[in-house]
Every structure is written in structure tokens, then in C-alpha cells.
Amino acid sequence: MKVLTVLIQSIVLLSAAMAANLKSSSDERSTPVTVGEVAPDFTLEDQNRNNVAISDARGKSPVVLVFYRGYW
């Protein structure tokens, strides 16, 4: 059962990554963001499945991005 759950989670993550890659192919950067540079605008889904754009918080409140890898 645990193997099936991990397999399904992997498929969902790969599908989401592929979909995000297709949408942002025209906005790709050739260089990484450097220290002190303003982050490019992007939109992500929060824990309540609401879309949140970084530009909505820019200049209004601090923004902390956490990339949680998970246990798998």
C-alpha cells in the first residue's frame, strides 16, 4: 500500500512539474537569480489551493519561500 501511495505521489508531482514547465517555457531565464536581485514574478498554489502571486506581497510584507522536499 505504501509503495502504491509513493508511486501515485510521484506521478502527480511529475505531472505538475511538466505542466509548469510547459506554461513557463517562454519565461525561462538563462541565469539564476543572484543575491540582492528582485525575484521574478511567479504564482504558486498555497496550502488552501489558492493561487498566490509574489507580486501581491512585494513591498507589503516579508516573503519567505520554503521548498519542502518531503519524506519520499
PDB file of N, CA and C in Angstrom:
ATOM      1  N   MET A   1       0.822  -1.193   0.000  1.00  0.00           N
ATOM      2  CA  MET A   1       0.000   0.000   0.000  1.00  0.00           C
ATOM      3  C   MET A   1       0.870   1.262   0.000  1.00  0.00           C
ATOM      4  N   LYS A   2       1.949   1.260   0.812  1.00  0.00           N
ATOM      5  CA  LYS A   2       2.826   2.418   0.884  1.00  0.00           C
ATOM      6  C   LYS A   2       3.522   2.647  -0.457  1.00  0.00           C
ATOM      7  N   VAL A   3       3.894   1.575  -1.143  1.00  0.00           N
ATOM      8  CA  VAL A   3       4.551   1.696  -2.444  1.00  0.00           C
ATOM      9  C   VAL A   3       3.598   2.319  -3.455  1.00  0.00           C
ATOM     10  N   LEU A   4       2.343   1.923  -3.416  1.00  0.00           N
ATOM     11  CA  LEU A   4       1.350   2.484  -4.323  1.00  0.00           C
ATOM     12  C   LEU A   4       1.158   3.976  -4.053  1.00  0.00           C
ATOM     13  N   THR A   5       1.116   4.359  -2.791  1.00  0.00           N
ATOM     14  CA  THR A   5       0.978   5.769  -2.433  1.00  0.00           C
ATOM     15  C   THR A   5       2.161   6.587  -2.945  1.00  0.00           C
ATOM     16  N   VAL A   6       3.359   6.065  -2.772  1.00  0.00           N
ATOM     17  CA  VAL A   6       4.556   6.759  -3.250  1.00  0.00           C
ATOM     18  C   VAL A   6       4.535   6.875  -4.764  1.00  0.00           C
ATOM     19  N   LEU A   7       4.105   5.824  -5.439  1.00  0.00           N
ATOM     20  CA  LEU A   7       4.028   5.842  -6.902  1.00  0.00           C
ATOM     21  C   LEU A   7       3.034   6.899  -7.385  1.00  0.00           C
ATOM     22  N   ILE A   8       1.883   6.953  -6.761  1.00  0.00           N
ATOM     23  CA  ILE A   8       0.867   7.937  -7.157  1.00  0.00           C
ATOM     24  C   ILE A   8       1.367   9.353  -6.892  1.00  0.00           C
ATOM     25  N   GLN A   9       2.006   9.572  -5.737  1.00  0.00           N
ATOM     26  CA  GLN A   9       2.544  10.900  -5.435  1.00  0.00           C
ATOM     27  C   GLN A   9       3.604  11.297  -6.458  1.00  0.00           C
ATOM     28  N   SER A  10       4.431  10.364  -6.854  1.00  0.00           N
ATOM     29  CA  SER A  10       5.474  10.649  -7.840  1.00  0.00           C
ATOM     30  C   SER A  10       4.867  11.032  -9.182  1.00  0.00           C
ATOM     31  N   ILE A  11       3.833  10.324  -9.589  1.00  0.00           N
ATOM     32  CA  ILE A  11       3.167  10.623 -10.864  1.00  0.00           C
ATOM     33  C   ILE A  11       2.535  12.007 -10.818  1.00  0.00           C
ATOM     34  N   VAL A  12       1.887  12.337  -9.703  1.00  0.00           N
ATOM     35  CA  VAL A  12       1.262  13.658  -9.567  1.00  0.00           C
ATOM     36  C   VAL A  12       2.319  14.758  -9.605  1.00  0.00           C
ATOM     37  N   LEU A  13       3.423  14.566  -8.891  1.00  0.00           N
ATOM     38  CA  LEU A  13       4.486  15.573  -8.880  1.00  0.00           C
ATOM     39  C   LEU A  13       5.111  15.744 -10.262  1.00  0.00           C
ATOM     40  N   LEU A  14       5.351  14.648 -10.947  1.00  0.00           N
ATOM     41  CA  LEU A  14       5.917  14.746 -12.299  1.00  0.00           C
ATOM     42  C   LEU A  14       4.958  15.447 -13.250  1.00  0.00           C
ATOM     43  N   SER A  15       3.676  15.138 -13.137  1.00  0.00           N
ATOM     44  CA  SER A  15       2.680  15.789 -13.988  1.00  0.00           C
ATOM     45  C   SER A  15       2.632  17.288 -13.728  1.00  0.00           C
ATOM     46  N   ALA A  16       2.663  17.669 -12.443  1.00  0.00           N
ATOM     47  CA  ALA A  16       2.639  19.096 -12.104  1.00  0.00           C
ATOM     48  C   ALA A  16       3.889  19.797 -12.605  1.00  0.00           C
ATOM     49  N   ALA A  17       5.038  19.152 -12.473  1.00  0.00           N
ATOM     50  CA  ALA A  17       6.288  19.753 -12.942  1.00  0.00           C
ATOM     51  C   ALA A  17       6.278  19.918 -14.454  1.00  0.00           C
ATOM     52  N   MET A  18       5.772  18.918 -15.154  1.00  0.00           N
ATOM     53  CA  MET A  18       5.713  19.003 -16.615  1.00  0.00           C
ATOM     54  C   MET A  18       4.754  20.098 -17.053  1.00  0.00           C
ATOM     55  N   ALA A  19       3.605  20.218 -16.386  1.00  0.00           N
ATOM     56  CA  ALA A  19       2.640  21.257 -16.730  1.00  0.00           C
ATOM     57  C   ALA A  19       3.222  22.643 -16.468  1.00  0.00           C
ATOM     58  N   ALA A  20       3.916  22.808 -15.358  1.00  0.00           N
ATOM     59  CA  ALA A  20       4.537  24.096 -15.042  1.00  0.00           C
ATOM     60  C   ALA A  20       5.617  24.430 -16.055  1.00  0.00           C
ATOM     61  N   ASN A  21       6.351  23.434 -16.485  1.00  0.00           N
ATOM     62  CA  ASN A  21       7.398  23.646 -17.474  1.00  0.00           C
ATOM     63  C   ASN A  21       6.813  24.072 -18.814  1.00  0.00           C
ATOM     64  N   LEU A  22       5.693  23.512 -19.197  1.00  0.00           N
ATOM     65  CA  LEU A  22       5.060  23.887 -20.462  1.00  0.00           C
ATOM     66  C   LEU A  22       4.532  25.308 -20.416  1.00  0.00           C
ATOM     67  N   LYS A  23       3.946  25.712 -19.270  1.00  0.00           N
ATOM     68  CA  LYS A  23       3.395  27.059 -19.159  1.00  0.00           C
ATOM     69  C   LYS A  23       4.477  28.123 -19.147  1.00  0.00           C
ATOM     70  N   SER A  24       5.620  27.844 -18.557  1.00  0.00           N
ATOM     71  CA  SER A  24       6.636  28.872 -18.371  1.00  0.00           C
ATOM     72  C   SER A  24       7.775  28.793 -19.377  1.00  0.00           C
ATOM     73  N   SER A  25       7.603  28.050 -20.447  1.00  0.00           N
ATOM     74  CA  SER A  25       8.703  27.879 -21.393  1.00  0.00           C
ATOM     75  C   SER A  25       9.119  29.200 -22.044  1.00  0.00           C
ATOM     76  N   SER A  26       8.184  30.148 -22.199  1.00  0.00           N
ATOM     77  CA  SER A  26       8.539  31.423 -22.805  1.00  0.00           C
ATOM     78  C   SER A  26       9.180  32.376 -21.796  1.00  0.00           C
ATOM     79  N   ASP A  27       9.037  32.089 -20.498  1.00  0.00           N
ATOM     80  CA  ASP A  27       9.569  32.960 -19.460  1.00  0.00           C
ATOM     81  C   ASP A  27      10.858  32.419 -18.845  1.00  0.00           C
ATOM     82  N   GLU A  28      11.493  31.452 -19.474  1.00  0.00           N
ATOM     83  CA  GLU A  28      12.681  30.839 -18.895  1.00  0.00           C
ATOM     84  C   GLU A  28      13.837  31.821 -18.835  1.00  0.00           C
ATOM     85  N   ARG A  29      14.583  31.729 -17.760  1.00  0.00           N
ATOM     86  CA  ARG A  29      15.784  32.540 -17.583  1.00  0.00           C
ATOM     87  C   ARG A  29      16.980  31.715 -17.984  1.00  0.00           C
ATOM     88  N   SER A  30      17.990  32.374 -18.478  1.00  0.00           N
ATOM     89  CA  SER A  30      19.219  31.661 -18.808  1.00  0.00           C
ATOM     90  C   SER A  30      20.226  31.709 -17.663  1.00  0.00           C
ATOM     91  N   THR A  31      19.948  32.555 -16.646  1.00  0.00           N
ATOM     92  CA  THR A  31      20.840  32.662 -15.490  1.00  0.00           C
ATOM     93  C   THR A  31      20.013  32.602 -14.214  1.00  0.00           C
ATOM     94  N   PRO A  32      20.584  32.109 -13.125  1.00  0.00           N
ATOM     95  CA  PRO A  32      19.850  32.066 -11.856  1.00  0.00           C
ATOM     96  C   PRO A  32      19.703  33.461 -11.245  1.00  0.00           C
ATOM     97  N   VAL A  33      18.777  33.592 -10.323  1.00  0.00           N
ATOM     98  CA  VAL A  33      18.603  34.846  -9.591  1.00  0.00           C
ATOM     99  C   VAL A  33      19.803  35.008  -8.661  1.00  0.00           C
ATOM    100  N   THR A  34      20.397  36.185  -8.651  1.00  0.00           N
ATOM    101  CA  THR A  34      21.571  36.433  -7.824  1.00  0.00           C
ATOM    102  C   THR A  34      21.180  37.107  -6.517  1.00  0.00           C
ATOM    103  N   VAL A  35      22.089  37.113  -5.573  1.00  0.00           N
ATOM    104  CA  VAL A  35      21.857  37.742  -4.271  1.00  0.00           C
ATOM    105  C   VAL A  35      21.597  39.230  -4.481  1.00  0.00           C
ATOM    106  N   GLY A  36      20.522  39.734  -3.881  1.00  0.00           N
ATOM    107  CA  GLY A  36      20.174  41.139  -3.988  1.00  0.00           C
ATOM    108  C   GLY A  36      19.283  41.474  -5.166  1.00  0.00           C
ATOM    109  N   GLU A  37      19.121  40.537  -6.087  1.00  0.00           N
ATOM    110  CA  GLU A  37      18.269  40.771  -7.257  1.00  0.00           C
ATOM    111  C   GLU A  37      16.805  40.571  -6.867  1.00  0.00           C
ATOM    112  N   VAL A  38      15.914  41.372  -7.448  1.00  0.00           N
ATOM    113  CA  VAL A  38      14.485  41.222  -7.196  1.00  0.00           C
ATOM    114  C   VAL A  38      14.018  39.928  -7.862  1.00  0.00           C
ATOM    115  N   ALA A  39      13.278  39.134  -7.123  1.00  0.00           N
ATOM    116  CA  ALA A  39      12.784  37.861  -7.653  1.00  0.00           C
ATOM    117  C   ALA A  39      11.790  38.112  -8.786  1.00  0.00           C
ATOM    118  N   PRO A  40      11.835  37.297  -9.815  1.00  0.00           N
ATOM    119  CA  PRO A  40      10.850  37.445 -10.897  1.00  0.00           C
ATOM    120  C   PRO A  40       9.457  37.090 -10.384  1.00  0.00           C
ATOM    121  N   ASP A  41       8.435  37.639 -11.001  1.00  0.00           N
ATOM    122  CA  ASP A  41       7.074  37.363 -10.569  1.00  0.00           C
ATOM    123  C   ASP A  41       6.691  35.933 -10.926  1.00  0.00           C
ATOM    124  N   PHE A  42       6.037  35.262 -10.007  1.00  0.00           N
ATOM    125  CA  PHE A  42       5.512  33.921 -10.259  1.00  0.00           C
ATOM    126  C   PHE A  42       4.312  33.689  -9.363  1.00  0.00           C
ATOM    127  N   THR A  43       3.516  32.709  -9.715  1.00  0.00           N
ATOM    128  CA  THR A  43       2.322  32.366  -8.955  1.00  0.00           C
ATOM    129  C   THR A  43       2.404  30.904  -8.553  1.00  0.00           C
ATOM    130  N   LEU A  44       2.106  30.627  -7.283  1.00  0.00           N
ATOM    131  CA  LEU A  44       2.080  29.261  -6.761  1.00  0.00           C
ATOM    132  C   LEU A  44       0.779  29.028  -6.006  1.00  0.00           C
ATOM    133  N   GLU A  45       0.474  27.774  -5.765  1.00  0.00           N
ATOM    134  CA  GLU A  45      -0.711  27.408  -5.010  1.00  0.00           C
ATOM    135  C   GLU A  45      -0.343  27.246  -3.537  1.00  0.00           C
ATOM    136  N   ASP A  46      -1.142  27.832  -2.641  1.00  0.00           N
ATOM    137  CA  ASP A  46      -0.855  27.687  -1.213  1.00  0.00           C
ATOM    138  C   ASP A  46      -1.521  26.426  -0.660  1.00  0.00           C
ATOM    139  N   GLN A  47      -1.421  26.233   0.650  1.00  0.00           N
ATOM    140  CA  GLN A  47      -1.945  25.030   1.274  1.00  0.00           C
ATOM    141  C   GLN A  47      -3.462  24.916   1.188  1.00  0.00           C
ATOM    142  N   ASN A  48      -4.141  26.026   0.893  1.00  0.00           N
ATOM    143  CA  ASN A  48      -5.601  26.022   0.749  1.00  0.00           C
ATOM    144  C   ASN A  48      -6.037  26.018  -0.707  1.00  0.00           C
ATOM    145  N   ARG A  49      -5.096  25.744  -1.602  1.00  0.00           N
ATOM    146  CA  ARG A  49      -5.328  25.676  -3.055  1.00  0.00           C
ATOM    147  C   ARG A  49      -5.723  27.024  -3.664  1.00  0.00           C
ATOM    148  N   ASN A  50      -5.287  28.114  -3.033  1.00  0.00           N
ATOM    149  CA  ASN A  50      -5.488  29.455  -3.587  1.00  0.00           C
ATOM    150  C   ASN A  50      -4.218  29.863  -4.322  1.00  0.00           C
ATOM    151  N   ASN A  51      -4.364  30.490  -5.473  1.00  0.00           N
ATOM    152  CA  ASN A  51      -3.205  30.989  -6.200  1.00  0.00           C
ATOM    153  C   ASN A  51      -2.701  32.262  -5.540  1.00  0.00           C
ATOM    154  N   VAL A  52      -1.397  32.307  -5.307  1.00  0.00           N
ATOM    155  CA  VAL A  52      -0.773  33.458  -4.668  1.00  0.00           C
ATOM    156  C   VAL A  52       0.399  33.901  -5.541  1.00  0.00           C
ATOM    157  N   ALA A  53       0.398  35.171  -5.928  1.00  0.00           N
ATOM    158  CA  ALA A  53       1.495  35.721  -6.729  1.00  0.00           C
ATOM    159  C   ALA A  53       2.452  36.458  -5.813  1.00  0.00           C
ATOM    160  N   ILE A  54       3.740  36.327  -6.082  1.00  0.00           N
ATOM    161  CA  ILE A  54       4.727  37.012  -5.248  1.00  0.00           C
ATOM    162  C   ILE A  54       4.570  38.527  -5.370  1.00  0.00           C
ATOM    163  N   SER A  55       4.085  39.001  -6.508  1.00  0.00           N
ATOM    164  CA  SER A  55       3.906  40.438  -6.693  1.00  0.00           C
ATOM    165  C   SER A  55       2.823  41.002  -5.769  1.00  0.00           C
ATOM    166  N   ASP A  56       1.898  40.158  -5.297  1.00  0.00           N
ATOM    167  CA  ASP A  56       0.870  40.620  -4.361  1.00  0.00           C
ATOM    168  C   ASP A  56       1.466  41.021  -3.016  1.00  0.00           C
ATOM    169  N   ALA A  57       2.569  40.393  -2.617  1.00  0.00           N
ATOM    170  CA  ALA A  57       3.185  40.682  -1.318  1.00  0.00           C
ATOM    171  C   ALA A  57       4.378  41.616  -1.427  1.00  0.00           C
ATOM    172  N   ARG A  58       4.905  41.800  -2.621  1.00  0.00           N
ATOM    173  CA  ARG A  58       6.112  42.619  -2.785  1.00  0.00           C
ATOM    174  C   ARG A  58       5.888  44.033  -2.266  1.00  0.00           C
ATOM    175  N   GLY A  59       6.743  44.451  -1.346  1.00  0.00           N
ATOM    176  CA  GLY A  59       6.672  45.788  -0.788  1.00  0.00           C
ATOM    177  C   GLY A  59       5.665  45.936   0.343  1.00  0.00           C
ATOM    178  N   LYS A  60       4.869  44.901   0.597  1.00  0.00           N
ATOM    179  CA  LYS A  60       3.857  44.976   1.653  1.00  0.00           C
ATOM    180  C   LYS A  60       4.250  44.179   2.886  1.00  0.00           C
ATOM    181  N   SER A  61       4.888  43.049   2.677  1.00  0.00           N
ATOM    182  CA  SER A  61       5.274  42.193   3.800  1.00  0.00           C
ATOM    183  C   SER A  61       6.466  41.338   3.386  1.00  0.00           C
ATOM    184  N   PRO A  62       7.205  40.821   4.369  1.00  0.00           N
ATOM    185  CA  PRO A  62       8.324  39.937   4.025  1.00  0.00           C
ATOM    186  C   PRO A  62       7.812  38.641   3.377  1.00  0.00           C
ATOM    187  N   VAL A  63       8.590  38.106   2.488  1.00  0.00           N
ATOM    188  CA  VAL A  63       8.227  36.869   1.805  1.00  0.00           C
ATOM    189  C   VAL A  63       9.305  35.830   2.081  1.00  0.00           C
ATOM    190  N   VAL A  64       8.881  34.661   2.547  1.00  0.00           N
ATOM    191  CA  VAL A  64       9.804  33.559   2.802  1.00  0.00           C
ATOM    192  C   VAL A  64       9.343  32.378   1.964  1.00  0.00           C
ATOM    193  N   LEU A  65      10.233  31.860   1.136  1.00  0.00           N
ATOM    194  CA  LEU A  65       9.925  30.684   0.329  1.00  0.00           C
ATOM    195  C   LEU A  65      10.566  29.476   0.975  1.00  0.00           C
ATOM    196  N   VAL A  66       9.785  28.434   1.147  1.00  0.00           N
ATOM    197  CA  VAL A  66      10.280  27.194   1.731  1.00  0.00           C
ATOM    198  C   VAL A  66      10.031  26.083   0.718  1.00  0.00           C
ATOM    199  N   PHE A  67      11.082  25.402   0.337  1.00  0.00           N
ATOM    200  CA  PHE A  67      10.966  24.280  -0.590  1.00  0.00           C
ATOM    201  C   PHE A  67      11.093  23.003   0.227  1.00  0.00           C
ATOM    202  N   TYR A  68       9.965  22.370   0.496  1.00  0.00           N
ATOM    203  CA  TYR A  68       9.914  21.190   1.320  1.00  0.00           C
ATOM    204  C   TYR A  68       9.981  19.959   0.417  1.00  0.00           C
ATOM    205  N   ARG A  69      11.003  19.176   0.556  1.00  0.00           N
ATOM    206  CA  ARG A  69      11.209  18.021  -0.302  1.00  0.00           C
ATOM    207  C   ARG A  69      10.266  16.883   0.036  1.00  0.00           C
ATOM    208  N   GLY A  70       9.876  16.735   1.255  1.00  0.00           N
ATOM    209  CA  GLY A  70       9.013  15.625   1.646  1.00  0.00           C
ATOM    210  C   GLY A  70       9.820  14.440   2.132  1.00  0.00           C
ATOM    211  N   TYR A  71       9.129  13.407   2.510  1.00  0.00           N
ATOM    212  CA  TYR A  71       9.794  12.240   3.076  1.00  0.00           C
ATOM    213  C   TYR A  71      10.078  11.151   2.063  1.00  0.00           C
ATOM    214  N   TRP A  72       9.580  11.261   0.855  1.00  0.00           N
ATOM    215  CA  TRP A  72       9.792  10.199  -0.119  1.00  0.00           C
ATOM    216  C   TRP A  72      11.123  10.388  -0.732  1.00  0.00           C
TER     217      TRP A  72
END
